[in-house]
Amino acid sequence: MGQPAPKHKQQRGISSIERLTLGAEKDQFLESFALLITSGMGVLVALEALLADARSSTMKRVIEQMRLDVDAGQSLSTAFEASGILSSDVISLVRIGEEAGRLPENLKVIAIQQQKERQFQSKLVSAMIYPVLVFSVTILVGLVIAWFVLPRLSLVFGQLNIELPFITKLMIGFGQFLGQYGFVAVPATAVALILGMYLIFFATQTKIIGERLILAIPGLRKIIIEVELARFGYIMGTLLHAGLPVVETLQSIANSTPTASYRKLYQHLKSSIEEGNSFRKSLDSYPGTRQLIPIPIQQLISASEMSGSLSESFLKISSVYEEKTDVTTKNLVVIIEPILLVVVWLGVVLVAVAVIMPIYKLVGDFNTGTSTTPTPPVDNSAPAALAPGETDGYAITGPADSQPVEPVVLGAHDQIDPLLVDAGQLLPTATVIESAEFSTLNVRSEPSTTASVIKQLHTGETYPVIETNSTWTKIQLTQGGTGWVASQYITLLQP
């Protein structure tokens, strides 16, 4: 008879991953089992009904082994303990209920306790999910803008040839970095953040760091303390009322709490009470108790211990702090919402300022007449006089025996071409001198004889003047664009 039990344990052994996947289904099993037992159904019949309703193969295997153990004559608490999926406080309550003939009542307590635990966790999640969601969306939108918009914007600003503000340079530099290395940098950063969050908030050895960071935030610290005190009061009150000893109750709550600071406090209370000390002395001997349990609550626990009403006092503590948790959760969301709006608004303003400031500077330069395009250097060397049959890069000479002709210019009484009108005002005009010394006049891209020739003008043609000096004159060409001609071969005429 002693050998089959280990065989059952070996067959039903489940891995840690399988145990994690049974979280919600395990709670549903306990609630349904308690409901069936309190309605008067037998244990075996209840297990068979739940076996048929189980969804996962792992849960089916666990319930089947429980049914086999109970059918073989083992107690329900022994079958629960051998399953490896239930906590020690649940097994203790089942054992006490079997011994005292209060199994339905204790199973009902277990079901309510599981429901309360989910409520406590959901309050913590609801308090944190809103800011986390808003920050995540903000970071995602900012990343998309920096990755896909800023690199294109940098090309536009680069062509304007203006001095960019520091904030614009910073954002464009970040966008260019993402444009070149984003496919490597973004996934690597995401993996690093996930790994860092796991080490800070979830790893067993280091998650106390994340807990201290959260407790340093006033609003979150308040709601975590209230949730923990509500859990502490309810579990202590229900387990003590169900007949579980104080030491086992403290061990159960130490195993169930997710907060490392409170887990250390409960383990200290368990060890101190095991040595024969009272709750008051045990609380006073732990450093930092006032930050975890308020002094009025400590005094209430001490007074109820002396009067023998610990379970009632703990349940009262739970009721008070459940109401406080509801109020704090709602207030926290109301407080966080405008703060998050300000943070998002600052991000939008930062991007807007970085984009608008260069455009504003460019418009200001246009209004003040400042050109953002650098003027090419002027070749101030005076052109030498042309002899018949020669060329100096400015003009091409005509026949050697041709006779000079008097310059002909456009007079004020002649027809003015519409191209000579700019912004409602007439521009000075340049007329190519009619001369037998040359037949065409070269128009160059820059004021230099080494610049490329972009057009050749004939004598007598007239063009608007943009700027001029003693050596070179910049004219507006009829087909669009500008060019430079030698000043000595034109005649200027003011409108």
Protein backbone atom coordinates (compact mmCIF):
# COMPACT_ATOMS: atom_id res chain seq x y z
CA MET A 1 0.00 0.00 0.00
CA GLY A 2 2.93 2.34 0.61
CA GLN A 3 4.30 2.09 -2.93
CA PRO A 4 1.40 3.27 -5.15
CA ALA A 5 1.40 6.81 -3.74
CA PRO A 6 4.80 7.75 -5.12
CA LYS A 7 3.70 6.22 -8.42
CA HIS A 8 0.72 8.57 -8.55
CA LYS A 9 2.94 11.57 -7.75
CA GLN A 10 5.35 10.64 -10.48
CA GLN A 11 2.59 10.25 -13.06
CA ARG A 12 0.95 13.56 -12.25
CA GLY A 13 4.17 15.56 -12.04
CA ILE A 14 3.80 18.78 -14.04
CA SER A 15 6.41 21.28 -15.11
CA SER A 16 6.67 24.87 -13.92
CA ILE A 17 5.43 26.14 -17.28
CA GLU A 18 2.35 23.90 -17.09
CA ARG A 19 1.71 25.12 -13.55
CA LEU A 20 1.76 28.73 -14.74
CA THR A 21 -0.70 28.01 -17.54
CA LEU A 22 -3.20 26.59 -15.05
CA GLY A 23 -3.63 29.88 -13.15
CA ALA A 24 -7.11 30.90 -14.30
CA GLU A 25 -8.31 27.30 -14.79
CA LYS A 26 -7.12 26.36 -11.32
CA ASP A 27 -9.12 29.20 -9.74
CA GLN A 28 -12.18 28.17 -11.74
CA PHE A 29 -11.74 24.58 -10.54
CA LEU A 30 -11.64 25.66 -6.88
CA GLU A 31 -14.70 27.89 -7.23
CA SER A 32 -16.71 25.22 -9.08
CA PHE A 33 -15.62 22.49 -6.65
CA ALA A 34 -16.62 24.61 -3.65
CA LEU A 35 -20.01 25.36 -5.26
CA LEU A 36 -20.68 21.66 -5.94
CA ILE A 37 -19.66 20.56 -2.43
CA THR A 38 -21.69 23.29 -0.68
CA SER A 39 -24.72 22.22 -2.72
CA GLY A 40 -24.49 18.74 -1.18
CA MET A 41 -22.70 16.83 -3.95
CA GLY A 42 -20.18 14.17 -2.99
CA VAL A 43 -16.45 14.66 -3.51
CA LEU A 44 -16.04 11.90 -6.12
CA VAL A 45 -19.10 12.98 -8.08
CA ALA A 46 -17.90 16.61 -8.01
CA LEU A 47 -14.46 15.60 -9.28
CA GLU A 48 -15.98 13.54 -12.09
CA ALA A 49 -18.17 16.48 -13.13
CA LEU A 50 -15.20 18.85 -13.14
CA LEU A 51 -13.12 16.31 -15.06
CA ALA A 52 -15.67 16.36 -17.87
CA ASP A 53 -15.66 20.16 -17.87
CA ALA A 54 -11.86 20.59 -17.86
CA ARG A 55 -10.45 22.25 -20.98
CA SER A 56 -6.70 21.61 -20.93
CA SER A 57 -5.13 18.18 -21.01
CA THR A 58 -2.94 19.08 -18.01
CA MET A 59 -5.94 19.94 -15.85
CA LYS A 60 -7.71 16.78 -16.95
CA ARG A 61 -4.69 14.74 -15.87
CA VAL A 62 -4.49 16.50 -12.49
CA ILE A 63 -8.21 16.07 -11.71
CA GLU A 64 -8.12 12.43 -12.82
CA GLN A 65 -5.28 11.72 -10.37
CA MET A 66 -7.20 13.50 -7.59
CA ARG A 67 -10.21 11.34 -8.31
CA LEU A 68 -8.08 8.17 -8.27
CA ASP A 69 -6.50 9.16 -4.93
CA VAL A 70 -9.86 9.91 -3.29
CA ASP A 71 -11.36 6.72 -4.74
CA ALA A 72 -8.41 4.78 -3.27
CA GLY A 73 -9.28 6.04 0.21
CA GLN A 74 -6.99 9.03 0.60
CA SER A 75 -8.28 12.27 2.08
CA LEU A 76 -9.13 15.23 -0.15
CA SER A 77 -6.37 17.36 1.41
CA THR A 78 -3.81 14.63 0.63
CA ALA A 79 -5.02 14.45 -2.97
CA PHE A 80 -4.86 18.24 -3.25
CA GLU A 81 -1.35 18.31 -1.81
CA ALA A 82 -0.14 15.57 -4.16
CA SER A 83 -1.44 17.48 -7.19
CA GLY A 84 1.22 20.17 -6.73
CA ILE A 85 -0.96 22.99 -8.09
CA LEU A 86 -2.61 24.31 -4.90
CA SER A 87 -1.11 26.61 -2.29
CA SER A 88 -0.40 25.60 1.30
CA ASP A 89 -3.18 27.74 2.77
CA VAL A 90 -5.77 26.06 0.53
CA ILE A 91 -4.55 22.60 1.57
CA SER A 92 -4.54 23.61 5.26
CA LEU A 93 -8.11 24.90 5.05
CA VAL A 94 -9.25 21.69 3.36
CA ARG A 95 -7.50 19.59 6.00
CA ILE A 96 -9.04 21.60 8.87
CA GLY A 97 -12.47 21.40 7.22
CA GLU A 98 -12.21 17.62 6.89
CA GLU A 99 -11.12 17.22 10.50
CA ALA A 100 -13.77 19.57 11.91
CA GLY A 101 -16.57 18.50 9.59
CA ARG A 102 -16.65 21.97 8.01
CA LEU A 103 -15.37 21.11 4.52
CA PRO A 104 -18.18 22.93 2.61
CA GLU A 105 -17.72 26.08 4.71
CA ASN A 106 -13.93 26.06 4.32
CA LEU A 107 -14.19 25.43 0.58
CA LYS A 108 -16.50 28.42 0.35
CA VAL A 109 -13.89 30.49 2.20
CA ILE A 110 -11.28 29.30 -0.31
CA ALA A 111 -13.46 30.33 -3.24
CA ILE A 112 -14.08 33.79 -1.77
CA GLN A 113 -10.39 34.15 -0.97
CA GLN A 114 -9.43 33.38 -4.58
CA GLN A 115 -11.98 35.89 -5.80
CA LYS A 116 -10.65 38.56 -3.44
CA GLU A 117 -7.10 37.89 -4.57
CA ARG A 118 -8.10 38.49 -8.18
CA GLN A 119 -9.82 41.72 -7.16
CA PHE A 120 -6.69 42.94 -5.39
CA GLN A 121 -4.54 42.18 -8.42
CA SER A 122 -7.00 43.81 -10.81
CA LYS A 123 -6.96 47.02 -8.76
CA LEU A 124 -3.20 47.21 -9.04
CA VAL A 125 -3.34 46.51 -12.77
CA SER A 126 -6.10 49.05 -13.39
CA ALA A 127 -4.10 51.71 -11.56
CA MET A 128 -1.06 51.16 -13.77
CA ILE A 129 -2.49 50.14 -17.15
CA TYR A 130 -3.66 53.64 -18.14
CA PRO A 131 -0.31 55.46 -17.73
CA VAL A 132 1.57 52.52 -19.26
CA LEU A 133 -0.76 52.49 -22.27
CA VAL A 134 -0.49 56.26 -22.85
CA PHE A 135 3.29 56.24 -22.55
CA SER A 136 3.56 53.26 -24.89
CA VAL A 137 1.42 54.94 -27.58
CA THR A 138 3.39 58.20 -27.18
CA ILE A 139 6.72 56.41 -27.60
CA LEU A 140 5.40 54.46 -30.60
CA VAL A 141 4.15 57.60 -32.39
CA GLY A 142 7.36 59.47 -31.63
CA LEU A 143 9.40 56.56 -32.96
CA VAL A 144 7.42 56.48 -36.21
CA ILE A 145 7.91 60.24 -36.70
CA ALA A 146 11.62 60.07 -35.94
CA TRP A 147 12.16 57.01 -38.13
CA PHE A 148 10.17 57.91 -41.23
CA VAL A 149 9.45 61.67 -41.19
CA LEU A 150 12.60 63.32 -39.83
CA PRO A 151 15.02 61.82 -42.39
CA ARG A 152 12.91 63.30 -45.22
CA LEU A 153 12.65 66.59 -43.36
CA SER A 154 16.43 66.73 -43.05
CA LEU A 155 16.73 66.67 -46.85
CA VAL A 156 14.41 69.69 -47.13
CA PHE A 157 16.25 71.69 -44.47
CA GLY A 158 19.61 70.74 -45.99
CA GLN A 159 18.62 72.38 -49.30
CA LEU A 160 17.54 75.63 -47.62
CA ASN A 161 21.14 76.50 -46.70
CA ILE A 162 20.17 78.16 -43.40
CA GLU A 163 21.52 77.83 -39.88
CA LEU A 164 19.30 75.37 -38.02
CA PRO A 165 18.44 75.71 -34.29
CA PHE A 166 20.07 73.26 -31.91
CA ILE A 167 16.82 71.40 -31.17
CA THR A 168 16.23 70.92 -34.91
CA LYS A 169 19.76 69.64 -35.42
CA LEU A 170 19.30 67.24 -32.52
CA MET A 171 16.03 65.82 -33.83
CA ILE A 172 17.27 65.59 -37.42
CA GLY A 173 20.44 63.85 -36.22
CA PHE A 174 18.33 61.34 -34.31
CA GLY A 175 16.12 60.82 -37.35
CA GLN A 176 19.13 60.30 -39.61
CA PHE A 177 20.54 57.76 -37.15
CA LEU A 178 17.26 55.84 -37.18
CA GLY A 179 17.09 56.08 -40.95
CA GLN A 180 20.50 54.38 -41.24
CA TYR A 181 20.52 52.01 -38.26
CA GLY A 182 16.87 51.84 -37.18
CA PHE A 183 16.32 48.23 -38.26
CA VAL A 184 19.07 47.20 -35.87
CA ALA A 185 18.84 49.86 -33.15
CA VAL A 186 15.07 49.70 -32.54
CA PRO A 187 14.79 45.88 -32.06
CA ALA A 188 17.96 45.89 -29.94
CA THR A 189 16.57 48.67 -27.74
CA ALA A 190 13.22 46.87 -27.38
CA VAL A 191 14.95 43.64 -26.35
CA ALA A 192 17.13 45.55 -23.88
CA LEU A 193 14.07 47.26 -22.36
CA ILE A 194 12.16 43.99 -22.01
CA LEU A 195 15.15 42.28 -20.45
CA GLY A 196 15.73 45.22 -18.10
CA MET A 197 12.07 45.28 -17.02
CA TYR A 198 12.17 41.54 -16.39
CA LEU A 199 15.29 41.83 -14.24
CA ILE A 200 13.96 44.83 -12.32
CA PHE A 201 10.32 43.82 -11.80
CA PHE A 202 10.02 40.04 -12.21
CA ALA A 203 13.32 38.24 -11.53
CA THR A 204 13.28 36.68 -8.07
CA GLN A 205 16.70 37.97 -7.01
CA THR A 206 16.39 41.54 -8.31
CA LYS A 207 12.69 42.44 -8.42
CA ILE A 208 12.98 44.17 -5.06
CA ILE A 209 14.73 46.99 -6.98
CA GLY A 210 11.64 47.57 -9.10
CA GLU A 211 9.43 47.33 -6.04
CA ARG A 212 11.41 50.07 -4.32
CA LEU A 213 11.17 52.23 -7.44
CA ILE A 214 7.38 51.82 -7.51
CA LEU A 215 7.06 52.48 -3.79
CA ALA A 216 9.01 55.72 -4.29
CA ILE A 217 6.11 57.09 -6.40
CA PRO A 218 3.59 58.62 -3.95
CA GLY A 219 0.35 57.64 -5.69
CA LEU A 220 1.41 54.08 -6.49
CA ARG A 221 2.90 53.62 -3.02
CA LYS A 222 -0.41 54.52 -1.42
CA ILE A 223 -2.47 52.11 -3.51
CA ILE A 224 0.03 49.23 -3.05
CA ILE A 225 -0.03 49.66 0.73
CA GLU A 226 -3.84 49.79 0.79
CA VAL A 227 -4.17 46.70 -1.40
CA GLU A 228 -1.65 44.80 0.73
CA LEU A 229 -3.40 45.75 3.98
CA ALA A 230 -6.76 44.68 2.51
CA ARG A 231 -5.22 41.33 1.52
CA PHE A 232 -3.51 40.98 4.92
CA GLY A 233 -6.74 41.66 6.80
CA TYR A 234 -8.92 39.38 4.70
CA ILE A 235 -6.60 36.36 4.60
CA MET A 236 -5.74 36.61 8.29
CA GLY A 237 -9.37 37.09 9.25
CA THR A 238 -10.81 34.27 7.12
CA LEU A 239 -8.08 31.74 7.91
CA LEU A 240 -8.18 32.43 11.65
CA HIS A 241 -11.97 32.26 11.60
CA ALA A 242 -11.74 28.92 9.77
CA GLY A 243 -9.55 27.52 12.54
CA LEU A 244 -6.08 27.78 11.00
CA PRO A 245 -3.33 28.55 13.56
CA VAL A 246 -1.72 32.00 13.53
CA VAL A 247 1.70 30.67 12.49
CA GLU A 248 0.30 28.75 9.49
CA THR A 249 -1.85 31.72 8.57
CA LEU A 250 1.17 34.05 8.50
CA GLN A 251 3.09 31.52 6.41
CA SER A 252 0.19 31.29 3.97
CA ILE A 253 -0.06 35.04 3.52
CA ALA A 254 3.74 35.30 3.16
CA ASN A 255 3.53 32.79 0.31
CA SER A 256 0.66 34.59 -1.42
CA THR A 257 1.82 38.22 -1.30
CA PRO A 258 3.67 39.54 -4.37
CA THR A 259 5.39 42.35 -2.43
CA ALA A 260 8.84 41.44 -1.09
CA SER A 261 8.77 44.08 1.68
CA TYR A 262 5.56 42.67 3.16
CA ARG A 263 6.76 39.09 2.66
CA LYS A 264 9.75 39.82 4.90
CA LEU A 265 7.44 41.40 7.48
CA TYR A 266 5.10 38.37 7.55
CA GLN A 267 8.02 35.95 7.85
CA HIS A 268 9.38 37.99 10.75
CA LEU A 269 5.97 37.95 12.47
CA LYS A 270 5.74 34.17 11.97
CA SER A 271 9.20 33.57 13.46
CA SER A 272 8.61 35.96 16.35
CA ILE A 273 5.19 34.51 17.26
CA GLU A 274 6.63 30.98 17.05
CA GLU A 275 9.06 32.05 19.77
CA GLY A 276 6.12 33.04 21.98
CA ASN A 277 6.00 36.80 21.38
CA SER A 278 2.79 38.76 20.93
CA PHE A 279 1.72 40.62 17.80
CA ARG A 280 2.57 43.94 19.44
CA LYS A 281 6.09 42.93 20.39
CA SER A 282 6.66 41.28 17.02
CA LEU A 283 5.55 44.41 15.16
CA ASP A 284 7.68 46.70 17.34
CA SER A 285 10.79 44.58 16.81
CA TYR A 286 10.70 44.84 13.00
CA PRO A 287 12.47 47.93 11.56
CA GLY A 288 10.34 50.00 9.23
CA THR A 289 6.98 48.61 10.39
CA ARG A 290 5.41 52.06 10.44
CA GLN A 291 6.03 52.48 6.72
CA LEU A 292 4.22 49.18 5.98
CA ILE A 293 1.47 49.07 8.61
CA PRO A 294 0.10 52.36 10.02
CA ILE A 295 0.28 52.83 13.79
CA PRO A 296 -3.54 52.82 14.27
CA ILE A 297 -3.73 49.41 12.57
CA GLN A 298 -0.93 48.10 14.80
CA GLN A 299 -2.79 49.32 17.89
CA LEU A 300 -6.02 47.70 16.67
CA ILE A 301 -4.25 44.34 16.16
CA SER A 302 -2.66 44.54 19.64
CA ALA A 303 -5.98 45.40 21.28
CA SER A 304 -7.87 42.64 19.46
CA GLU A 305 -5.18 40.12 20.41
CA MET A 306 -5.70 40.94 24.07
CA SER A 307 -9.49 40.72 23.72
CA GLY A 308 -9.42 37.50 21.69
CA SER A 309 -11.11 38.97 18.60
CA LEU A 310 -8.27 38.85 16.08
CA SER A 311 -10.29 37.36 13.23
CA GLU A 312 -13.07 39.99 13.50
CA SER A 313 -10.54 42.85 13.68
CA PHE A 314 -8.63 41.58 10.66
CA LEU A 315 -11.85 41.31 8.63
CA LYS A 316 -12.73 44.86 9.65
CA ILE A 317 -9.29 46.04 8.48
CA SER A 318 -9.90 44.31 5.16
CA SER A 319 -13.29 45.96 4.71
CA VAL A 320 -11.96 49.45 5.46
CA TYR A 321 -8.97 49.20 3.15
CA GLU A 322 -10.97 47.68 0.29
CA GLU A 323 -13.10 50.83 0.26
CA LYS A 324 -9.98 53.00 0.46
CA THR A 325 -8.44 51.10 -2.45
CA ASP A 326 -11.47 51.77 -4.65
CA VAL A 327 -11.38 55.50 -3.90
CA THR A 328 -7.60 55.76 -4.34
CA THR A 329 -7.68 53.92 -7.66
CA LYS A 330 -10.29 56.29 -9.07
CA ASN A 331 -8.48 59.38 -7.74
CA LEU A 332 -5.15 58.17 -9.10
CA VAL A 333 -6.54 57.89 -12.62
CA VAL A 334 -8.04 61.39 -12.33
CA ILE A 335 -4.70 62.80 -11.15
CA ILE A 336 -2.55 60.97 -13.69
CA GLU A 337 -4.68 61.93 -16.70
CA PRO A 338 -3.79 65.68 -16.82
CA ILE A 339 -0.14 64.86 -16.08
CA LEU A 340 -0.02 62.50 -19.05
CA LEU A 341 -1.75 65.09 -21.24
CA VAL A 342 0.93 67.65 -20.31
CA VAL A 343 3.70 65.15 -21.11
CA VAL A 344 2.17 64.35 -24.51
CA TRP A 345 1.61 68.07 -25.19
CA LEU A 346 5.27 68.83 -24.43
CA GLY A 347 6.33 66.14 -26.90
CA VAL A 348 4.10 67.60 -29.62
CA VAL A 349 5.33 71.14 -28.94
CA LEU A 350 8.94 69.96 -29.07
CA VAL A 351 8.47 68.46 -32.53
CA ALA A 352 6.45 71.45 -33.75
CA VAL A 353 9.07 73.97 -32.57
CA ALA A 354 11.88 71.97 -34.16
CA VAL A 355 10.04 72.02 -37.52
CA ILE A 356 8.57 75.54 -37.44
CA MET A 357 11.62 77.50 -36.28
CA PRO A 358 13.68 76.93 -39.48
CA ILE A 359 10.64 77.74 -41.64
CA TYR A 360 10.00 80.92 -39.64
CA LYS A 361 13.64 81.94 -40.04
CA LEU A 362 13.46 81.30 -43.79
CA VAL A 363 10.30 83.43 -44.18
CA GLY A 364 11.93 86.20 -42.15
CA ASP A 365 14.94 86.18 -44.44
CA PHE A 366 12.67 86.50 -47.48
CA ASN A 367 10.77 89.42 -45.93
CA THR A 368 13.99 91.30 -45.10
CA GLY A 369 15.44 90.65 -48.57
CA THR A 370 18.24 88.45 -47.28
CA SER A 371 19.17 85.80 -49.78
CA THR A 372 19.70 82.31 -48.39
CA THR A 373 21.61 81.29 -51.54
CA PRO A 374 25.28 82.32 -51.42
CA THR A 375 26.31 84.74 -54.22
CA PRO A 376 29.12 83.33 -56.35
CA PRO A 377 32.43 85.17 -56.15
CA VAL A 378 32.86 87.97 -58.66
CA ASP A 379 35.82 88.11 -60.97
CA ASN A 380 36.79 91.81 -60.75
CA SER A 381 39.45 91.62 -63.40
CA ALA A 382 38.58 94.13 -66.12
CA PRO A 383 38.27 92.71 -69.60
CA ALA A 384 40.89 93.83 -72.06
CA ALA A 385 39.91 95.77 -75.19
CA LEU A 386 39.23 93.58 -78.20
CA ALA A 387 41.09 93.97 -81.47
CA PRO A 388 39.35 92.97 -84.69
CA GLY A 389 39.40 89.24 -85.11
CA GLU A 390 40.14 88.51 -81.42
CA THR A 391 38.11 87.04 -78.52
CA ASP A 392 38.65 87.43 -74.79
CA GLY A 393 35.99 85.08 -73.39
CA TYR A 394 33.38 87.82 -73.05
CA ALA A 395 32.47 88.42 -76.68
CA ILE A 396 33.22 86.97 -80.07
CA THR A 397 34.53 89.42 -82.63
CA GLY A 398 33.10 90.03 -86.04
CA PRO A 399 35.00 90.38 -89.34
CA ALA A 400 38.34 92.18 -89.16
CA ASP A 401 37.37 94.82 -91.73
CA SER A 402 33.97 95.69 -90.24
CA GLN A 403 33.23 99.27 -89.22
CA PRO A 404 32.09 100.28 -85.70
CA VAL A 405 28.46 101.20 -85.27
CA GLU A 406 26.99 103.59 -82.70
CA PRO A 407 25.30 101.86 -79.75
CA VAL A 408 21.53 101.57 -80.01
CA VAL A 409 19.58 101.43 -76.69
CA LEU A 410 15.96 101.08 -75.74
CA GLY A 411 14.44 104.48 -75.14
CA ALA A 412 11.73 105.42 -72.66
CA HIS A 413 9.24 105.87 -75.48
CA ASP A 414 9.71 102.34 -76.84
CA GLN A 415 7.67 99.27 -76.01
CA ILE A 416 8.70 97.56 -72.74
CA ASP A 417 8.59 93.78 -72.59
CA PRO A 418 6.37 92.36 -69.76
CA LEU A 419 9.36 90.33 -68.57
CA LEU A 420 10.88 93.59 -67.39
CA VAL A 421 8.17 94.05 -64.74
CA ASP A 422 8.77 92.60 -61.26
CA ALA A 423 6.36 92.97 -58.29
CA GLY A 424 4.63 95.91 -59.94
CA GLN A 425 7.83 97.89 -60.51
CA LEU A 426 10.00 98.22 -63.60
CA LEU A 427 13.50 96.83 -63.37
CA PRO A 428 16.59 98.38 -64.96
CA THR A 429 17.28 96.87 -68.35
CA ALA A 430 20.47 95.91 -70.13
CA THR A 431 20.75 96.27 -73.92
CA VAL A 432 23.55 94.55 -75.78
CA ILE A 433 25.58 97.14 -77.68
CA GLU A 434 25.45 96.93 -81.46
CA SER A 435 29.07 96.89 -82.53
CA ALA A 436 31.12 95.67 -85.43
CA GLU A 437 33.71 94.42 -82.90
CA PHE A 438 31.68 91.30 -82.02
CA SER A 439 28.67 89.40 -83.30
CA THR A 440 27.48 87.63 -80.10
CA LEU A 441 27.89 88.19 -76.37
CA ASN A 442 28.54 85.23 -74.03
CA VAL A 443 26.29 84.69 -70.97
CA ARG A 444 28.09 82.73 -68.24
CA SER A 445 26.82 80.79 -65.21
CA GLU A 446 29.09 82.76 -62.84
CA PRO A 447 30.89 86.13 -63.04
CA SER A 448 34.13 84.65 -64.34
CA THR A 449 35.68 84.05 -67.75
CA THR A 450 36.34 80.45 -66.73
CA ALA A 451 32.64 79.74 -66.02
CA SER A 452 30.58 77.81 -68.52
CA VAL A 453 28.70 79.63 -71.32
CA ILE A 454 24.95 79.06 -70.92
CA LYS A 455 23.70 81.34 -73.73
CA GLN A 456 24.87 83.74 -76.44
CA LEU A 457 23.12 87.11 -76.95
CA HIS A 458 22.88 89.09 -80.14
CA THR A 459 23.36 92.82 -80.41
CA GLY A 460 20.35 94.94 -79.66
CA GLU A 461 18.65 92.39 -77.33
CA THR A 462 17.30 93.73 -74.02
CA TYR A 463 17.09 91.87 -70.65
CA PRO A 464 16.14 92.80 -67.05
CA VAL A 465 19.07 93.54 -64.72
CA ILE A 466 19.22 91.88 -61.29
CA GLU A 467 22.54 93.33 -60.08
CA THR A 468 25.58 95.00 -61.65
CA ASN A 469 29.02 96.44 -61.03
CA SER A 470 31.80 97.86 -63.15
CA THR A 471 32.88 94.42 -64.38
CA TRP A 472 29.89 92.06 -64.50
CA THR A 473 26.11 92.37 -64.75
CA LYS A 474 23.58 89.71 -63.72
CA ILE A 475 20.56 89.53 -66.07
CA GLN A 476 17.24 87.68 -66.15
CA LEU A 477 16.99 85.40 -69.19
CA THR A 478 13.74 85.11 -71.12
CA GLN A 479 13.63 81.29 -70.96
CA GLY A 480 14.09 81.35 -67.19
CA GLY A 481 17.16 81.46 -65.00
CA THR A 482 19.91 84.06 -64.73
CA GLY A 483 23.35 84.65 -66.17
CA TRP A 484 26.34 87.01 -66.09
CA VAL A 485 27.62 89.23 -68.94
CA ALA A 486 30.51 91.69 -69.18
CA SER A 487 29.33 95.18 -68.14
CA GLN A 488 31.36 96.99 -70.83
CA TYR A 489 29.32 95.41 -73.65
CA ILE A 490 25.87 96.50 -72.41
CA THR A 491 24.00 99.72 -71.91
CA LEU A 492 21.92 100.17 -68.73
CA LEU A 493 18.63 101.98 -68.98
CA GLN A 494 16.59 102.94 -65.90
CA PRO A 495 12.81 102.64 -66.40
